[in-house]
Amino acid sequence: MSFFTGFAVYFIIWWVTLFIVLPHGNSSQAEMGEVVPGTDPGAPIISKLPQKLLINTLVAGLVYGLYWLATSYYGWTFADIPSVFPDDIQPRG
């Protein structure tokens, strides 16, 4: 795998894991009872974005490491994933 392919895969993994990490640990203004006039009550009081970006980078690195291990070290490909449909049943279309 080339550097650019690896970077692209890591970026995609990082972006997907961001949506998993981002909502954790938020307290909304409505939950805390401190709604600032003119803002959405569901907006977080403190987003802790730098901390979440660091955690996301570490989680994405772990997931990418597992991907690299499976593809580069063990040589697994998409062809190694079993078919969802048995041989005698194929999807329509």
C-alpha atoms as a PDB file:
ATOM      1  CA  MET A   1       0.000   0.000   0.000  1.00  0.00           C
ATOM      2  CA  SER A   2       1.389   3.376  -0.963  1.00  0.00           C
ATOM      3  CA  PHE A   3       1.651   6.284   1.450  1.00  0.00           C
ATOM      4  CA  PHE A   4      -1.175   8.201  -0.213  1.00  0.00           C
ATOM      5  CA  THR A   5      -3.519   5.194  -0.183  1.00  0.00           C
ATOM      6  CA  GLY A   6      -2.759   4.602   3.478  1.00  0.00           C
ATOM      7  CA  PHE A   7      -3.325   8.279   4.277  1.00  0.00           C
ATOM      8  CA  ALA A   8      -6.642   8.269   2.393  1.00  0.00           C
ATOM      9  CA  VAL A   9      -7.841   5.184   4.275  1.00  0.00           C
ATOM     10  CA  TYR A  10      -6.743   6.723   7.592  1.00  0.00           C
ATOM     11  CA  PHE A  11      -8.556   9.977   6.772  1.00  0.00           C
ATOM     12  CA  ILE A  12     -11.780   8.113   5.984  1.00  0.00           C
ATOM     13  CA  ILE A  13     -11.490   6.106   9.216  1.00  0.00           C
ATOM     14  CA  TRP A  14     -10.732   9.317  11.152  1.00  0.00           C
ATOM     15  CA  TRP A  15     -13.765  11.066   9.708  1.00  0.00           C
ATOM     16  CA  VAL A  16     -16.130   8.152  10.473  1.00  0.00           C
ATOM     17  CA  THR A  17     -14.852   7.756  14.036  1.00  0.00           C
ATOM     18  CA  LEU A  18     -15.267  11.506  14.578  1.00  0.00           C
ATOM     19  CA  PHE A  19     -19.042  11.067  14.393  1.00  0.00           C
ATOM     20  CA  ILE A  20     -18.801   8.319  17.019  1.00  0.00           C
ATOM     21  CA  VAL A  21     -16.581  10.284  19.435  1.00  0.00           C
ATOM     22  CA  LEU A  22     -18.108  13.757  19.005  1.00  0.00           C
ATOM     23  CA  PRO A  23     -21.423  13.373  20.906  1.00  0.00           C
ATOM     24  CA  HIS A  24     -19.931  11.747  24.027  1.00  0.00           C
ATOM     25  CA  GLY A  25     -19.586  13.851  27.153  1.00  0.00           C
ATOM     26  CA  ASN A  26     -21.718  16.795  26.047  1.00  0.00           C
ATOM     27  CA  SER A  27     -24.031  18.588  28.449  1.00  0.00           C
ATOM     28  CA  SER A  28     -26.639  20.747  26.773  1.00  0.00           C
ATOM     29  CA  GLN A  29     -27.734  24.145  27.999  1.00  0.00           C
ATOM     30  CA  ALA A  30     -31.232  22.800  28.654  1.00  0.00           C
ATOM     31  CA  GLU A  31     -29.880  19.953  30.809  1.00  0.00           C
ATOM     32  CA  MET A  32     -27.840  22.364  32.918  1.00  0.00           C
ATOM     33  CA  GLY A  33     -30.609  24.983  33.090  1.00  0.00           C
ATOM     34  CA  GLU A  34     -28.386  27.747  31.707  1.00  0.00           C
ATOM     35  CA  VAL A  35     -29.910  28.605  28.322  1.00  0.00           C
ATOM     36  CA  VAL A  36     -28.316  31.712  26.802  1.00  0.00           C
ATOM     37  CA  PRO A  37     -30.958  33.842  25.053  1.00  0.00           C
ATOM     38  CA  GLY A  38     -30.805  33.527  21.281  1.00  0.00           C
ATOM     39  CA  THR A  39     -29.081  30.117  21.265  1.00  0.00           C
ATOM     40  CA  ASP A  40     -30.392  26.597  20.795  1.00  0.00           C
ATOM     41  CA  PRO A  41     -31.234  24.874  24.093  1.00  0.00           C
ATOM     42  CA  GLY A  42     -29.552  21.702  22.803  1.00  0.00           C
ATOM     43  CA  ALA A  43     -26.215  23.429  22.220  1.00  0.00           C
ATOM     44  CA  PRO A  44     -23.430  22.134  24.458  1.00  0.00           C
ATOM     45  CA  ILE A  45     -22.149  24.317  27.276  1.00  0.00           C
ATOM     46  CA  ILE A  46     -18.518  23.221  26.834  1.00  0.00           C
ATOM     47  CA  SER A  47     -17.761  21.141  23.740  1.00  0.00           C
ATOM     48  CA  LYS A  48     -14.230  19.991  24.740  1.00  0.00           C
ATOM     49  CA  LEU A  49     -13.380  19.853  21.030  1.00  0.00           C
ATOM     50  CA  PRO A  50      -9.547  19.670  21.325  1.00  0.00           C
ATOM     51  CA  GLN A  51      -9.818  16.741  23.744  1.00  0.00           C
ATOM     52  CA  LYS A  52     -12.294  14.965  21.467  1.00  0.00           C
ATOM     53  CA  LEU A  53     -10.079  15.472  18.412  1.00  0.00           C
ATOM     54  CA  LEU A  54      -7.146  13.912  20.265  1.00  0.00           C
ATOM     55  CA  ILE A  55      -9.239  10.952  21.423  1.00  0.00           C
ATOM     56  CA  ASN A  56     -10.611  10.570  17.896  1.00  0.00           C
ATOM     57  CA  THR A  57      -7.099  10.561  16.428  1.00  0.00           C
ATOM     58  CA  LEU A  58      -6.047   7.802  18.833  1.00  0.00           C
ATOM     59  CA  VAL A  59      -9.153   5.702  18.149  1.00  0.00           C
ATOM     60  CA  ALA A  60      -8.722   6.145  14.384  1.00  0.00           C
ATOM     61  CA  GLY A  61      -5.059   5.143  14.713  1.00  0.00           C
ATOM     62  CA  LEU A  62      -6.067   1.952  16.523  1.00  0.00           C
ATOM     63  CA  VAL A  63      -8.682   1.105  13.889  1.00  0.00           C
ATOM     64  CA  TYR A  64      -6.200   1.875  11.090  1.00  0.00           C
ATOM     65  CA  GLY A  65      -3.625  -0.325  12.794  1.00  0.00           C
ATOM     66  CA  LEU A  66      -6.088  -3.222  12.762  1.00  0.00           C
ATOM     67  CA  TYR A  67      -6.834  -2.523   9.098  1.00  0.00           C
ATOM     68  CA  TRP A  68      -3.134  -2.436   8.239  1.00  0.00           C
ATOM     69  CA  LEU A  69      -2.522  -5.650  10.174  1.00  0.00           C
ATOM     70  CA  ALA A  70      -5.327  -7.436   8.341  1.00  0.00           C
ATOM     71  CA  THR A  71      -4.367  -6.227   4.854  1.00  0.00           C
ATOM     72  CA  SER A  72      -0.583  -5.881   4.861  1.00  0.00           C
ATOM     73  CA  TYR A  73       0.499  -8.505   7.380  1.00  0.00           C
ATOM     74  CA  TYR A  74      -2.148 -11.196   6.884  1.00  0.00           C
ATOM     75  CA  GLY A  75      -2.886 -10.302   3.255  1.00  0.00           C
ATOM     76  CA  TRP A  76      -6.655 -10.287   3.605  1.00  0.00           C
ATOM     77  CA  THR A  77      -8.708  -8.701   0.830  1.00  0.00           C
ATOM     78  CA  PHE A  78     -12.384  -8.068   0.184  1.00  0.00           C
ATOM     79  CA  ALA A  79     -12.473 -11.395  -1.658  1.00  0.00           C
ATOM     80  CA  ASP A  80     -11.811 -13.126   1.678  1.00  0.00           C
ATOM     81  CA  ILE A  81     -15.076 -11.845   3.140  1.00  0.00           C
ATOM     82  CA  PRO A  82     -17.741 -14.527   2.784  1.00  0.00           C
ATOM     83  CA  SER A  83     -20.638 -13.799   0.484  1.00  0.00           C
ATOM     84  CA  VAL A  84     -23.769 -12.455   2.111  1.00  0.00           C
ATOM     85  CA  PHE A  85     -25.938 -14.558  -0.185  1.00  0.00           C
ATOM     86  CA  PRO A  86     -25.566 -18.312  -0.704  1.00  0.00           C
ATOM     87  CA  ASP A  87     -24.613 -19.467  -4.194  1.00  0.00           C
ATOM     88  CA  ASP A  88     -28.152 -20.538  -5.110  1.00  0.00           C
ATOM     89  CA  ILE A  89     -29.830 -17.308  -3.873  1.00  0.00           C
ATOM     90  CA  GLN A  90     -28.826 -14.091  -5.604  1.00  0.00           C
ATOM     91  CA  PRO A  91     -30.312 -10.620  -5.054  1.00  0.00           C
ATOM     92  CA  ARG A  92     -32.717  -9.225  -7.602  1.00  0.00           C
ATOM     93  CA  GLY A  93     -31.542  -6.453  -9.773  1.00  0.00           C
END
